[in-house]
Amino acid sequence: MTVENKFDLTATTRVAIPIIIDLHERKVIWTDLSLKGNPSTNNNVHNNLSLTTIINKSMTTLIKPNLYDLLNLHLQARGQKTLDMNEANVIFAVNDGIKPTDIDILVSEYL
């Protein structure tokens, strides 16, 4: 058997919500949430139902920018657009510079 998908859960809190699995839409929503509160009751979904419902609703209805919009926001805040690659300090392209598949760079530097 081969592992197809995995993630490492590390949190210094007692309550962590790393993902929401939407069975109806068949998708995984990355939340990466750690709640700092120390629950006064047993830590389970039933005792945290109202908080869990609010978090789930907010994370599943959150409107996130696509990659194009995200990079345009950075462009507006920090630079000028040029079509001449020789003038560019940073290049975002499918085959040159920072590519859409460079997830580590995009997450660490642009999110």
PDB file of N, CA and C in Angstrom:
ATOM      1  N   MET A   1       0.840  -1.174   0.000  1.00  0.00           N
ATOM      2  CA  MET A   1       0.000   0.000   0.000  1.00  0.00           C
ATOM      3  C   MET A   1       0.891   1.245   0.000  1.00  0.00           C
ATOM      4  N   THR A   2       0.523   2.252  -0.786  1.00  0.00           N
ATOM      5  CA  THR A   2       1.285   3.488  -0.900  1.00  0.00           C
ATOM      6  C   THR A   2       0.479   4.642  -0.341  1.00  0.00           C
ATOM      7  N   VAL A   3       1.134   5.502   0.433  1.00  0.00           N
ATOM      8  CA  VAL A   3       0.486   6.702   0.957  1.00  0.00           C
ATOM      9  C   VAL A   3       0.386   7.711  -0.177  1.00  0.00           C
ATOM     10  N   GLU A   4      -0.825   8.178  -0.451  1.00  0.00           N
ATOM     11  CA  GLU A   4      -1.013   9.153  -1.520  1.00  0.00           C
ATOM     12  C   GLU A   4      -1.005  10.579  -0.997  1.00  0.00           C
ATOM     13  N   ASN A   5      -1.578  10.806   0.158  1.00  0.00           N
ATOM     14  CA  ASN A   5      -1.644  12.142   0.744  1.00  0.00           C
ATOM     15  C   ASN A   5      -1.370  12.041   2.230  1.00  0.00           C
ATOM     16  N   LYS A   6      -0.544  12.942   2.737  1.00  0.00           N
ATOM     17  CA  LYS A   6      -0.296  12.985   4.172  1.00  0.00           C
ATOM     18  C   LYS A   6       0.087  14.396   4.559  1.00  0.00           C
ATOM     19  N   PHE A   7      -0.046  14.707   5.834  1.00  0.00           N
ATOM     20  CA  PHE A   7       0.451  15.961   6.360  1.00  0.00           C
ATOM     21  C   PHE A   7       0.908  15.706   7.781  1.00  0.00           C
ATOM     22  N   ASP A   8       1.861  16.502   8.221  1.00  0.00           N
ATOM     23  CA  ASP A   8       2.379  16.392   9.582  1.00  0.00           C
ATOM     24  C   ASP A   8       1.664  17.416  10.447  1.00  0.00           C
ATOM     25  N   LEU A   9       1.105  16.956  11.543  1.00  0.00           N
ATOM     26  CA  LEU A   9       0.403  17.843  12.461  1.00  0.00           C
ATOM     27  C   LEU A   9       1.320  18.149  13.639  1.00  0.00           C
ATOM     28  N   THR A  10       1.708  19.405  13.746  1.00  0.00           N
ATOM     29  CA  THR A  10       2.503  19.849  14.889  1.00  0.00           C
ATOM     30  C   THR A  10       1.870  21.120  15.408  1.00  0.00           C
ATOM     31  N   ALA A  11       1.485  21.105  16.658  1.00  0.00           N
ATOM     32  CA  ALA A  11       0.876  22.283  17.276  1.00  0.00           C
ATOM     33  C   ALA A  11       1.178  22.256  18.768  1.00  0.00           C
ATOM     34  N   THR A  12       1.371  23.429  19.314  1.00  0.00           N
ATOM     35  CA  THR A  12       1.628  23.526  20.747  1.00  0.00           C
ATOM     36  C   THR A  12       0.328  23.739  21.510  1.00  0.00           C
ATOM     37  N   THR A  13      -0.794  23.552  20.855  1.00  0.00           N
ATOM     38  CA  THR A  13      -2.100  23.743  21.469  1.00  0.00           C
ATOM     39  C   THR A  13      -2.813  22.404  21.612  1.00  0.00           C
ATOM     40  N   ARG A  14      -3.904  22.434  22.356  1.00  0.00           N
ATOM     41  CA  ARG A  14      -4.693  21.213  22.532  1.00  0.00           C
ATOM     42  C   ARG A  14      -5.793  21.079  21.495  1.00  0.00           C
ATOM     43  N   VAL A  15      -6.094  22.167  20.790  1.00  0.00           N
ATOM     44  CA  VAL A  15      -7.150  22.146  19.779  1.00  0.00           C
ATOM     45  C   VAL A  15      -6.539  22.533  18.441  1.00  0.00           C
ATOM     46  N   ALA A  16      -6.603  21.641  17.467  1.00  0.00           N
ATOM     47  CA  ALA A  16      -6.071  21.918  16.142  1.00  0.00           C
ATOM     48  C   ALA A  16      -7.087  21.482  15.093  1.00  0.00           C
ATOM     49  N   ILE A  17      -7.282  22.335  14.100  1.00  0.00           N
ATOM     50  CA  ILE A  17      -8.162  22.018  12.973  1.00  0.00           C
ATOM     51  C   ILE A  17      -7.322  22.211  11.715  1.00  0.00           C
ATOM     52  N   PRO A  18      -6.599  21.173  11.305  1.00  0.00           N
ATOM     53  CA  PRO A  18      -5.706  21.334  10.151  1.00  0.00           C
ATOM     54  C   PRO A  18      -6.450  21.392   8.814  1.00  0.00           C
ATOM     55  N   ILE A  19      -7.520  20.613   8.678  1.00  0.00           N
ATOM     56  CA  ILE A  19      -8.249  20.554   7.413  1.00  0.00           C
ATOM     57  C   ILE A  19      -9.734  20.341   7.674  1.00  0.00           C
ATOM     58  N   ILE A  20     -10.518  20.672   6.689  1.00  0.00           N
ATOM     59  CA  ILE A  20     -11.942  20.328   6.672  1.00  0.00           C
ATOM     60  C   ILE A  20     -12.141  19.486   5.421  1.00  0.00           C
ATOM     61  N   ILE A  21     -12.731  18.341   5.591  1.00  0.00           N
ATOM     62  CA  ILE A  21     -12.991  17.462   4.447  1.00  0.00           C
ATOM     63  C   ILE A  21     -14.463  17.616   4.070  1.00  0.00           C
ATOM     64  N   ASP A  22     -14.698  18.160   2.887  1.00  0.00           N
ATOM     65  CA  ASP A  22     -16.045  18.369   2.377  1.00  0.00           C
ATOM     66  C   ASP A  22     -16.428  17.148   1.551  1.00  0.00           C
ATOM     67  N   LEU A  23     -17.209  16.271   2.133  1.00  0.00           N
ATOM     68  CA  LEU A  23     -17.584  15.033   1.448  1.00  0.00           C
ATOM     69  C   LEU A  23     -18.565  15.283   0.312  1.00  0.00           C
ATOM     70  N   HIS A  24     -19.398  16.302   0.458  1.00  0.00           N
ATOM     71  CA  HIS A  24     -20.376  16.608  -0.578  1.00  0.00           C
ATOM     72  C   HIS A  24     -19.688  17.126  -1.845  1.00  0.00           C
ATOM     73  N   GLU A  25     -18.772  18.075  -1.673  1.00  0.00           N
ATOM     74  CA  GLU A  25     -18.048  18.650  -2.817  1.00  0.00           C
ATOM     75  C   GLU A  25     -16.822  17.838  -3.203  1.00  0.00           C
ATOM     76  N   ARG A  26     -16.461  16.849  -2.361  1.00  0.00           N
ATOM     77  CA  ARG A  26     -15.291  16.001  -2.587  1.00  0.00           C
ATOM     78  C   ARG A  26     -14.004  16.822  -2.686  1.00  0.00           C
ATOM     79  N   LYS A  27     -13.793  17.672  -1.657  1.00  0.00           N
ATOM     80  CA  LYS A  27     -12.567  18.464  -1.636  1.00  0.00           C
ATOM     81  C   LYS A  27     -12.082  18.636  -0.209  1.00  0.00           C
ATOM     82  N   VAL A  28     -10.819  18.962  -0.100  1.00  0.00           N
ATOM     83  CA  VAL A  28     -10.188  19.202   1.190  1.00  0.00           C
ATOM     84  C   VAL A  28      -9.892  20.691   1.288  1.00  0.00           C
ATOM     85  N   ILE A  29     -10.285  21.306   2.392  1.00  0.00           N
ATOM     86  CA  ILE A  29     -10.045  22.730   2.624  1.00  0.00           C
ATOM     87  C   ILE A  29      -8.972  22.840   3.699  1.00  0.00           C
ATOM     88  N   TRP A  30      -7.847  23.401   3.329  1.00  0.00           N
ATOM     89  CA  TRP A  30      -6.730  23.566   4.265  1.00  0.00           C
ATOM     90  C   TRP A  30      -7.043  24.733   5.184  1.00  0.00           C
ATOM     91  N   THR A  31      -7.113  24.492   6.492  1.00  0.00           N
ATOM     92  CA  THR A  31      -7.429  25.555   7.448  1.00  0.00           C
ATOM     93  C   THR A  31      -6.227  25.956   8.284  1.00  0.00           C
ATOM     94  N   ASP A  32      -5.419  24.993   8.704  1.00  0.00           N
ATOM     95  CA  ASP A  32      -4.206  25.252   9.481  1.00  0.00           C
ATOM     96  C   ASP A  32      -4.508  26.119  10.708  1.00  0.00           C
ATOM     97  N   LEU A  33      -5.514  25.721  11.476  1.00  0.00           N
ATOM     98  CA  LEU A  33      -5.918  26.486  12.655  1.00  0.00           C
ATOM     99  C   LEU A  33      -5.496  25.783  13.942  1.00  0.00           C
ATOM    100  N   SER A  34      -4.982  26.567  14.863  1.00  0.00           N
ATOM    101  CA  SER A  34      -4.685  26.093  16.214  1.00  0.00           C
ATOM    102  C   SER A  34      -5.333  27.064  17.176  1.00  0.00           C
ATOM    103  N   LEU A  35      -6.195  26.559  18.013  1.00  0.00           N
ATOM    104  CA  LEU A  35      -6.895  27.419  18.964  1.00  0.00           C
ATOM    105  C   LEU A  35      -6.132  27.425  20.280  1.00  0.00           C
ATOM    106  N   LYS A  36      -5.865  28.608  20.780  1.00  0.00           N
ATOM    107  CA  LYS A  36      -5.016  28.728  21.959  1.00  0.00           C
ATOM    108  C   LYS A  36      -5.763  28.513  23.264  1.00  0.00           C
ATOM    109  N   GLY A  37      -7.085  28.567  23.240  1.00  0.00           N
ATOM    110  CA  GLY A  37      -7.852  28.394  24.464  1.00  0.00           C
ATOM    111  C   GLY A  37      -7.702  27.012  25.062  1.00  0.00           C
ATOM    112  N   ASN A  38      -7.762  26.945  26.354  1.00  0.00           N
ATOM    113  CA  ASN A  38      -7.697  25.669  27.048  1.00  0.00           C
ATOM    114  C   ASN A  38      -9.125  25.300  27.427  1.00  0.00           C
ATOM    115  N   PRO A  39      -9.709  24.315  26.787  1.00  0.00           N
ATOM    116  CA  PRO A  39     -11.118  24.003  27.049  1.00  0.00           C
ATOM    117  C   PRO A  39     -11.349  23.584  28.502  1.00  0.00           C
ATOM    118  N   SER A  40     -12.453  24.092  29.062  1.00  0.00           N
ATOM    119  CA  SER A  40     -12.775  23.756  30.456  1.00  0.00           C
ATOM    120  C   SER A  40     -13.509  22.423  30.548  1.00  0.00           C
ATOM    121  N   THR A  41     -13.947  21.906  29.412  1.00  0.00           N
ATOM    122  CA  THR A  41     -14.622  20.605  29.375  1.00  0.00           C
ATOM    123  C   THR A  41     -13.793  19.666  28.521  1.00  0.00           C
ATOM    124  N   ASN A  42     -14.254  18.445  28.407  1.00  0.00           N
ATOM    125  CA  ASN A  42     -13.551  17.500  27.539  1.00  0.00           C
ATOM    126  C   ASN A  42     -13.457  18.072  26.134  1.00  0.00           C
ATOM    127  N   ASN A  43     -12.299  17.920  25.545  1.00  0.00           N
ATOM    128  CA  ASN A  43     -12.073  18.461  24.216  1.00  0.00           C
ATOM    129  C   ASN A  43     -12.588  17.487  23.172  1.00  0.00           C
ATOM    130  N   ASN A  44     -13.788  17.753  22.691  1.00  0.00           N
ATOM    131  CA  ASN A  44     -14.356  16.956  21.608  1.00  0.00           C
ATOM    132  C   ASN A  44     -15.298  17.834  20.803  1.00  0.00           C
ATOM    133  N   VAL A  45     -15.745  17.337  19.681  1.00  0.00           N
ATOM    134  CA  VAL A  45     -16.592  18.133  18.804  1.00  0.00           C
ATOM    135  C   VAL A  45     -17.890  18.529  19.496  1.00  0.00           C
ATOM    136  N   HIS A  46     -18.499  17.631  20.261  1.00  0.00           N
ATOM    137  CA  HIS A  46     -19.768  17.932  20.920  1.00  0.00           C
ATOM    138  C   HIS A  46     -19.644  19.141  21.854  1.00  0.00           C
ATOM    139  N   ASN A  47     -18.606  19.179  22.670  1.00  0.00           N
ATOM    140  CA  ASN A  47     -18.439  20.291  23.615  1.00  0.00           C
ATOM    141  C   ASN A  47     -18.001  21.583  22.947  1.00  0.00           C
ATOM    142  N   ASN A  48     -17.519  21.508  21.739  1.00  0.00           N
ATOM    143  CA  ASN A  48     -17.092  22.695  21.005  1.00  0.00           C
ATOM    144  C   ASN A  48     -17.963  22.928  19.771  1.00  0.00           C
ATOM    145  N   LEU A  49     -19.185  22.434  19.794  1.00  0.00           N
ATOM    146  CA  LEU A  49     -20.020  22.445  18.603  1.00  0.00           C
ATOM    147  C   LEU A  49     -20.266  23.849  18.060  1.00  0.00           C
ATOM    148  N   SER A  50     -20.599  24.812  18.907  1.00  0.00           N
ATOM    149  CA  SER A  50     -20.889  26.153  18.395  1.00  0.00           C
ATOM    150  C   SER A  50     -19.635  26.778  17.793  1.00  0.00           C
ATOM    151  N   LEU A  51     -18.495  26.638  18.459  1.00  0.00           N
ATOM    152  CA  LEU A  51     -17.246  27.177  17.929  1.00  0.00           C
ATOM    153  C   LEU A  51     -16.850  26.448  16.647  1.00  0.00           C
ATOM    154  N   THR A  52     -16.982  25.144  16.639  1.00  0.00           N
ATOM    155  CA  THR A  52     -16.648  24.357  15.457  1.00  0.00           C
ATOM    156  C   THR A  52     -17.535  24.748  14.281  1.00  0.00           C
ATOM    157  N   THR A  53     -18.812  24.967  14.528  1.00  0.00           N
ATOM    158  CA  THR A  53     -19.745  25.369  13.472  1.00  0.00           C
ATOM    159  C   THR A  53     -19.345  26.720  12.893  1.00  0.00           C
ATOM    160  N   ILE A  54     -19.007  27.664  13.731  1.00  0.00           N
ATOM    161  CA  ILE A  54     -18.595  28.998  13.272  1.00  0.00           C
ATOM    162  C   ILE A  54     -17.316  28.906  12.448  1.00  0.00           C
ATOM    163  N   ILE A  55     -16.347  28.166  12.947  1.00  0.00           N
ATOM    164  CA  ILE A  55     -15.079  28.028  12.223  1.00  0.00           C
ATOM    165  C   ILE A  55     -15.304  27.352  10.878  1.00  0.00           C
ATOM    166  N   ASN A  56     -16.060  26.255  10.866  1.00  0.00           N
ATOM    167  CA  ASN A  56     -16.326  25.547   9.609  1.00  0.00           C
ATOM    168  C   ASN A  56     -17.036  26.439   8.602  1.00  0.00           C
ATOM    169  N   LYS A  57     -18.029  27.175   9.063  1.00  0.00           N
ATOM    170  CA  LYS A  57     -18.781  28.065   8.168  1.00  0.00           C
ATOM    171  C   LYS A  57     -17.866  29.150   7.606  1.00  0.00           C
ATOM    172  N   SER A  58     -17.043  29.736   8.462  1.00  0.00           N
ATOM    173  CA  SER A  58     -16.174  30.811   7.983  1.00  0.00           C
ATOM    174  C   SER A  58     -15.102  30.288   7.033  1.00  0.00           C
ATOM    175  N   MET A  59     -14.559  29.124   7.296  1.00  0.00           N
ATOM    176  CA  MET A  59     -13.502  28.587   6.437  1.00  0.00           C
ATOM    177  C   MET A  59     -14.041  28.064   5.104  1.00  0.00           C
ATOM    178  N   THR A  60     -15.265  27.579   5.083  1.00  0.00           N
ATOM    179  CA  THR A  60     -15.821  27.047   3.837  1.00  0.00           C
ATOM    180  C   THR A  60     -16.451  28.129   2.962  1.00  0.00           C
ATOM    181  N   THR A  61     -16.724  29.301   3.504  1.00  0.00           N
ATOM    182  CA  THR A  61     -17.293  30.388   2.708  1.00  0.00           C
ATOM    183  C   THR A  61     -16.284  31.501   2.458  1.00  0.00           C
ATOM    184  N   LEU A  62     -15.081  31.324   2.940  1.00  0.00           N
ATOM    185  CA  LEU A  62     -14.022  32.310   2.766  1.00  0.00           C
ATOM    186  C   LEU A  62     -13.690  32.470   1.290  1.00  0.00           C
ATOM    187  N   ILE A  63     -13.631  33.707   0.819  1.00  0.00           N
ATOM    188  CA  ILE A  63     -13.267  33.968  -0.570  1.00  0.00           C
ATOM    189  C   ILE A  63     -11.772  34.258  -0.605  1.00  0.00           C
ATOM    190  N   LYS A  64     -11.046  33.400  -1.295  1.00  0.00           N
ATOM    191  CA  LYS A  64      -9.592  33.528  -1.377  1.00  0.00           C
ATOM    192  C   LYS A  64      -9.210  34.018  -2.770  1.00  0.00           C
ATOM    193  N   PRO A  65      -8.170  34.835  -2.850  1.00  0.00           N
ATOM    194  CA  PRO A  65      -7.750  35.275  -4.186  1.00  0.00           C
ATOM    195  C   PRO A  65      -7.101  34.122  -4.942  1.00  0.00           C
ATOM    196  N   ASN A  66      -7.278  34.127  -6.252  1.00  0.00           N
ATOM    197  CA  ASN A  66      -6.545  33.150  -7.061  1.00  0.00           C
ATOM    198  C   ASN A  66      -5.113  33.651  -7.220  1.00  0.00           C
ATOM    199  N   LEU A  67      -4.258  32.864  -7.829  1.00  0.00           N
ATOM    200  CA  LEU A  67      -2.844  33.209  -7.947  1.00  0.00           C
ATOM    201  C   LEU A  67      -2.651  34.499  -8.738  1.00  0.00           C
ATOM    202  N   TYR A  68      -3.405  34.682  -9.794  1.00  0.00           N
ATOM    203  CA  TYR A  68      -3.302  35.896 -10.608  1.00  0.00           C
ATOM    204  C   TYR A  68      -3.619  37.136  -9.774  1.00  0.00           C
ATOM    205  N   ASP A  69      -4.722  37.096  -9.034  1.00  0.00           N
ATOM    206  CA  ASP A  69      -5.104  38.234  -8.196  1.00  0.00           C
ATOM    207  C   ASP A  69      -4.082  38.486  -7.089  1.00  0.00           C
ATOM    208  N   LEU A  70      -3.567  37.423  -6.478  1.00  0.00           N
ATOM    209  CA  LEU A  70      -2.568  37.563  -5.419  1.00  0.00           C
ATOM    210  C   LEU A  70      -1.313  38.259  -5.939  1.00  0.00           C
ATOM    211  N   LEU A  71      -0.817  37.814  -7.079  1.00  0.00           N
ATOM    212  CA  LEU A  71       0.394  38.419  -7.629  1.00  0.00           C
ATOM    213  C   LEU A  71       0.140  39.847  -8.100  1.00  0.00           C
ATOM    214  N   ASN A  72      -1.056  40.133  -8.586  1.00  0.00           N
ATOM    215  CA  ASN A  72      -1.394  41.511  -8.952  1.00  0.00           C
ATOM    216  C   ASN A  72      -1.431  42.423  -7.724  1.00  0.00           C
ATOM    217  N   LEU A  73      -1.899  41.917  -6.603  1.00  0.00           N
ATOM    218  CA  LEU A  73      -1.883  42.713  -5.365  1.00  0.00           C
ATOM    219  C   LEU A  73      -0.448  43.044  -4.964  1.00  0.00           C
ATOM    220  N   HIS A  74       0.444  42.077  -5.070  1.00  0.00           N
ATOM    221  CA  HIS A  74       1.858  42.327  -4.769  1.00  0.00           C
ATOM    222  C   HIS A  74       2.458  43.315  -5.760  1.00  0.00           C
ATOM    223  N   LEU A  75       2.091  43.198  -7.014  1.00  0.00           N
ATOM    224  CA  LEU A  75       2.579  44.118  -8.033  1.00  0.00           C
ATOM    225  C   LEU A  75       2.140  45.549  -7.723  1.00  0.00           C
ATOM    226  N   GLN A  76       0.880  45.735  -7.381  1.00  0.00           N
ATOM    227  CA  GLN A  76       0.362  47.072  -7.074  1.00  0.00           C
ATOM    228  C   GLN A  76       1.033  47.664  -5.837  1.00  0.00           C
ATOM    229  N   ALA A  77       1.335  46.824  -4.866  1.00  0.00           N
ATOM    230  CA  ALA A  77       1.913  47.312  -3.615  1.00  0.00           C
ATOM    231  C   ALA A  77       3.421  47.534  -3.694  1.00  0.00           C
ATOM    232  N   ARG A  78       4.110  46.795  -4.556  1.00  0.00           N
ATOM    233  CA  ARG A  78       5.570  46.783  -4.477  1.00  0.00           C
ATOM    234  C   ARG A  78       6.310  47.019  -5.782  1.00  0.00           C
ATOM    235  N   GLY A  79       5.633  47.176  -6.896  1.00  0.00           N
ATOM    236  CA  GLY A  79       6.409  47.248  -8.125  1.00  0.00           C
ATOM    237  C   GLY A  79       5.680  47.863  -9.283  1.00  0.00           C
ATOM    238  N   GLN A  80       6.242  47.648 -10.441  1.00  0.00           N
ATOM    239  CA  GLN A  80       5.668  48.095 -11.698  1.00  0.00           C
ATOM    240  C   GLN A  80       5.698  46.935 -12.676  1.00  0.00           C
ATOM    241  N   LYS A  81       4.654  46.819 -13.444  1.00  0.00           N
ATOM    242  CA  LYS A  81       4.571  45.734 -14.407  1.00  0.00           C
ATOM    243  C   LYS A  81       5.356  46.099 -15.670  1.00  0.00           C
ATOM    244  N   THR A  82       6.088  45.137 -16.171  1.00  0.00           N
ATOM    245  CA  THR A  82       6.788  45.285 -17.439  1.00  0.00           C
ATOM    246  C   THR A  82       6.652  43.985 -18.223  1.00  0.00           C
ATOM    247  N   LEU A  83       6.574  44.129 -19.518  1.00  0.00           N
ATOM    248  CA  LEU A  83       6.511  42.953 -20.379  1.00  0.00           C
ATOM    249  C   LEU A  83       7.897  42.554 -20.883  1.00  0.00           C
ATOM    250  N   ASP A  84       8.896  43.403 -20.603  1.00  0.00           N
ATOM    251  CA  ASP A  84      10.276  43.118 -20.993  1.00  0.00           C
ATOM    252  C   ASP A  84      10.966  42.377 -19.849  1.00  0.00           C
ATOM    253  N   MET A  85      11.285  41.101 -20.066  1.00  0.00           N
ATOM    254  CA  MET A  85      11.884  40.285 -19.009  1.00  0.00           C
ATOM    255  C   MET A  85      13.245  40.822 -18.571  1.00  0.00           C
ATOM    256  N   ASN A  86      13.933  41.555 -19.435  1.00  0.00           N
ATOM    257  CA  ASN A  86      15.235  42.120 -19.080  1.00  0.00           C
ATOM    258  C   ASN A  86      15.111  43.252 -18.062  1.00  0.00           C
ATOM    259  N   GLU A  87      13.955  43.903 -17.988  1.00  0.00           N
ATOM    260  CA  GLU A  87      13.723  44.988 -17.032  1.00  0.00           C
ATOM    261  C   GLU A  87      13.209  44.477 -15.685  1.00  0.00           C
ATOM    262  N   ALA A  88      12.776  43.254 -15.644  1.00  0.00           N
ATOM    263  CA  ALA A  88      12.089  42.717 -14.456  1.00  0.00           C
ATOM    264  C   ALA A  88      13.074  42.291 -13.368  1.00  0.00           C
ATOM    265  N   ASN A  89      12.731  42.601 -12.120  1.00  0.00           N
ATOM    266  CA  ASN A  89      13.476  42.095 -10.966  1.00  0.00           C
ATOM    267  C   ASN A  89      12.964  40.719 -10.567  1.00  0.00           C
ATOM    268  N   VAL A  90      11.664  40.503 -10.723  1.00  0.00           N
ATOM    269  CA  VAL A  90      11.023  39.229 -10.408  1.00  0.00           C
ATOM    270  C   VAL A  90      10.152  38.855 -11.594  1.00  0.00           C
ATOM    271  N   ILE A  91      10.202  37.593 -11.961  1.00  0.00           N
ATOM    272  CA  ILE A  91       9.409  37.122 -13.101  1.00  0.00           C
ATOM    273  C   ILE A  91       8.443  36.047 -12.614  1.00  0.00           C
ATOM    274  N   PHE A  92       7.173  36.237 -12.930  1.00  0.00           N
ATOM    275  CA  PHE A  92       6.139  35.238 -12.679  1.00  0.00           C
ATOM    276  C   PHE A  92       5.671  34.748 -14.035  1.00  0.00           C
ATOM    277  N   ALA A  93       5.942  33.497 -14.347  1.00  0.00           N
ATOM    278  CA  ALA A  93       5.562  32.958 -15.648  1.00  0.00           C
ATOM    279  C   ALA A  93       5.423  31.448 -15.554  1.00  0.00           C
ATOM    280  N   VAL A  94       4.826  30.883 -16.551  1.00  0.00           N
ATOM    281  CA  VAL A  94       4.614  29.435 -16.571  1.00  0.00           C
ATOM    282  C   VAL A  94       5.933  28.690 -16.712  1.00  0.00           C
ATOM    283  N   ASN A  95       6.864  29.241 -17.509  1.00  0.00           N
ATOM    284  CA  ASN A  95       8.117  28.534 -17.775  1.00  0.00           C
ATOM    285  C   ASN A  95       9.366  29.239 -17.263  1.00  0.00           C
ATOM    286  N   ASP A  96       9.253  30.469 -16.800  1.00  0.00           N
ATOM    287  CA  ASP A  96      10.419  31.244 -16.361  1.00  0.00           C
ATOM    288  C   ASP A  96      10.172  31.848 -14.985  1.00  0.00           C
ATOM    289  N   GLY A  97      11.256  32.097 -14.247  1.00  0.00           N
ATOM    290  CA  GLY A  97      11.148  32.759 -12.953  1.00  0.00           C
ATOM    291  C   GLY A  97      10.351  31.928 -11.966  1.00  0.00           C
ATOM    292  N   ILE A  98       9.468  32.586 -11.242  1.00  0.00           N
ATOM    293  CA  ILE A  98       8.612  31.896 -10.277  1.00  0.00           C
ATOM    294  C   ILE A  98       7.404  31.346 -11.025  1.00  0.00           C
ATOM    295  N   LYS A  99       7.250  30.028 -10.956  1.00  0.00           N
ATOM    296  CA  LYS A  99       6.193  29.343 -11.692  1.00  0.00           C
ATOM    297  C   LYS A  99       5.019  29.004 -10.762  1.00  0.00           C
ATOM    298  N   PRO A 100       3.848  28.765 -11.296  1.00  0.00           N
ATOM    299  CA  PRO A 100       2.709  28.372 -10.464  1.00  0.00           C
ATOM    300  C   PRO A 100       2.950  27.107  -9.655  1.00  0.00           C
ATOM    301  N   THR A 101       3.892  26.290 -10.081  1.00  0.00           N
ATOM    302  CA  THR A 101       4.202  25.054  -9.354  1.00  0.00           C
ATOM    303  C   THR A 101       5.217  25.255  -8.231  1.00  0.00           C
ATOM    304  N   ASP A 102       5.764  26.467  -8.102  1.00  0.00           N
ATOM    305  CA  ASP A 102       6.728  26.771  -7.038  1.00  0.00           C
ATOM    306  C   ASP A 102       5.983  27.107  -5.744  1.00  0.00           C
ATOM    307  N   ILE A 103       5.275  26.134  -5.233  1.00  0.00           N
ATOM    308  CA  ILE A 103       4.389  26.338  -4.084  1.00  0.00           C
ATOM    309  C   ILE A 103       5.145  26.851  -2.864  1.00  0.00           C
ATOM    310  N   ASP A 104       6.316  26.289  -2.570  1.00  0.00           N
ATOM    311  CA  ASP A 104       7.080  26.724  -1.394  1.00  0.00           C
ATOM    312  C   ASP A 104       7.415  28.209  -1.447  1.00  0.00           C
ATOM    313  N   ILE A 105       7.830  28.696  -2.596  1.00  0.00           N
ATOM    314  CA  ILE A 105       8.167  30.120  -2.758  1.00  0.00           C
ATOM    315  C   ILE A 105       6.913  30.976  -2.642  1.00  0.00           C
ATOM    316  N   LEU A 106       5.859  30.573  -3.322  1.00  0.00           N
ATOM    317  CA  LEU A 106       4.622  31.355  -3.296  1.00  0.00           C
ATOM    318  C   LEU A 106       4.047  31.464  -1.891  1.00  0.00           C
ATOM    319  N   VAL A 107       4.053  30.356  -1.163  1.00  0.00           N
ATOM    320  CA  VAL A 107       3.505  30.361   0.194  1.00  0.00           C
ATOM    321  C   VAL A 107       4.389  31.162   1.146  1.00  0.00           C
ATOM    322  N   SER A 108       5.682  30.976   1.059  1.00  0.00           N
ATOM    323  CA  SER A 108       6.584  31.626   2.021  1.00  0.00           C
ATOM    324  C   SER A 108       6.781  33.110   1.741  1.00  0.00           C
ATOM    325  N   GLU A 109       6.699  33.530   0.494  1.00  0.00           N
ATOM    326  CA  GLU A 109       7.012  34.919   0.164  1.00  0.00           C
ATOM    327  C   GLU A 109       5.828  35.774  -0.266  1.00  0.00           C
ATOM    328  N   TYR A 110       4.724  35.149  -0.651  1.00  0.00           N
ATOM    329  CA  TYR A 110       3.625  35.934  -1.213  1.00  0.00           C
ATOM    330  C   TYR A 110       2.284  35.760  -0.528  1.00  0.00           C
ATOM    331  N   LEU A 111       2.194  34.867   0.450  1.00  0.00           N
ATOM    332  CA  LEU A 111       0.939  34.724   1.200  1.00  0.00           C
ATOM    333  C   LEU A 111       1.045  35.392   2.538  1.00  0.00           C
TER     334      LEU A 111
END
